């Protein structure tokens, strides 16, 4: 059976207080879609620790639903920060 893929975008800035609401919205989207793969467009976010935290939390929640989040359009700065934080395997492109 072929994997089901959905796409969504995250825009910034993302503050720590935004994490719960963002996670709830994305989890609802993933649950409703039943997707196996979610391509997350991150072109509209800054490269900072709050964003990486949010993305890692989304990946964890997605995996609990049997889905994998793949980053799209990540800036070089965001890719470097993800690598610096040791999360390249957690947040693949």
Protein backbone atom coordinates (compact mmCIF):
# COMPACT_ATOMS: atom_id res chain seq x y z
CA UNK A 1 0.00 0.00 0.00
CA UNK A 2 1.36 3.44 -0.95
CA UNK A 3 2.10 5.96 1.77
CA UNK A 4 -0.32 8.83 2.19
CA UNK A 5 1.36 12.24 2.24
CA UNK A 6 0.06 15.61 3.36
CA UNK A 7 1.67 19.02 3.30
CA UNK A 8 1.36 21.92 5.70
CA UNK A 9 3.33 25.04 6.55
CA UNK A 10 4.44 26.60 9.80
CA UNK A 11 4.94 30.34 9.98
CA UNK A 12 6.76 32.28 12.66
CA UNK A 13 7.68 33.65 14.94
CA UNK A 14 7.07 30.76 17.31
CA UNK A 15 7.22 31.48 21.03
CA UNK A 16 7.34 28.80 23.72
CA UNK A 17 3.75 29.69 24.65
CA UNK A 18 2.67 28.75 21.09
CA UNK A 19 3.88 25.14 21.33
CA UNK A 20 0.75 23.56 22.80
CA UNK A 21 -1.63 25.16 20.30
CA UNK A 22 0.62 24.40 17.36
CA UNK A 23 0.96 20.78 18.43
CA UNK A 24 -2.80 20.44 18.91
CA UNK A 25 -3.54 21.84 15.43
CA UNK A 26 -0.96 19.69 13.65
CA UNK A 27 -1.96 16.54 15.55
CA UNK A 28 -5.60 17.11 14.60
CA UNK A 29 -4.56 17.50 10.95
CA UNK A 30 -2.48 14.32 11.06
CA UNK A 31 -5.17 12.35 12.85
CA UNK A 32 -7.89 13.44 10.39
CA UNK A 33 -5.73 12.73 7.35
CA UNK A 34 -4.35 9.38 8.47
CA UNK A 35 -1.17 10.32 6.60
CA UNK A 36 2.03 8.32 6.87
CA UNK A 37 4.21 11.26 5.83
CA UNK A 38 3.76 14.96 6.52
CA UNK A 39 5.86 17.47 4.60
CA UNK A 40 6.25 20.56 6.76
CA UNK A 41 7.19 23.77 4.95
CA UNK A 42 9.38 25.75 7.34
CA UNK A 43 10.39 28.57 5.00
CA UNK A 44 8.45 31.03 7.15
CA UNK A 45 10.19 30.40 10.48
CA UNK A 46 13.33 31.75 12.07
CA UNK A 47 16.23 29.49 12.98
CA UNK A 48 16.02 29.50 16.76
CA UNK A 49 15.77 27.06 19.63
CA UNK A 50 12.00 27.57 20.04
CA UNK A 51 11.40 26.52 16.43
CA UNK A 52 13.62 23.44 16.73
CA UNK A 53 11.84 22.54 19.99
CA UNK A 54 8.46 22.91 18.29
CA UNK A 55 9.53 20.77 15.32
CA UNK A 56 10.97 18.04 17.54
CA UNK A 57 7.74 17.97 19.58
CA UNK A 58 5.70 17.77 16.37
CA UNK A 59 7.83 14.86 15.18
CA UNK A 60 7.28 13.03 18.48
CA UNK A 61 3.52 13.59 18.33
CA UNK A 62 3.43 12.54 14.66
CA UNK A 63 5.30 9.33 15.38
CA UNK A 64 2.74 8.47 18.04
CA UNK A 65 0.16 8.69 15.24
CA UNK A 66 2.25 6.51 12.90
CA UNK A 67 3.41 9.46 10.79
CA UNK A 68 6.79 11.01 9.98
CA UNK A 69 7.35 14.73 9.53
CA UNK A 70 9.82 15.78 6.82
CA UNK A 71 11.06 19.37 6.67
CA UNK A 72 10.76 21.33 3.43
CA UNK A 73 12.42 24.59 2.46
CA UNK A 74 14.52 24.77 5.63
CA UNK A 75 17.03 27.61 5.61
CA UNK A 76 20.72 26.82 5.90
CA UNK A 77 20.65 28.40 9.35
CA UNK A 78 17.81 26.14 10.49
CA UNK A 79 19.53 23.04 9.09
CA UNK A 80 22.75 24.01 10.87
CA UNK A 81 20.94 24.59 14.17
CA UNK A 82 19.15 21.23 13.90
CA UNK A 83 22.53 19.57 13.26
CA UNK A 84 24.18 21.47 16.13
CA UNK A 85 21.44 20.27 18.47
CA UNK A 86 22.01 16.68 17.31
CA UNK A 87 18.53 16.33 15.80
CA UNK A 88 19.31 15.70 12.12
CA UNK A 89 17.92 12.16 12.29
CA UNK A 90 14.87 13.35 14.25
CA UNK A 91 14.09 16.17 11.81
CA UNK A 92 14.97 14.90 8.32
CA UNK A 93 14.35 16.72 5.06
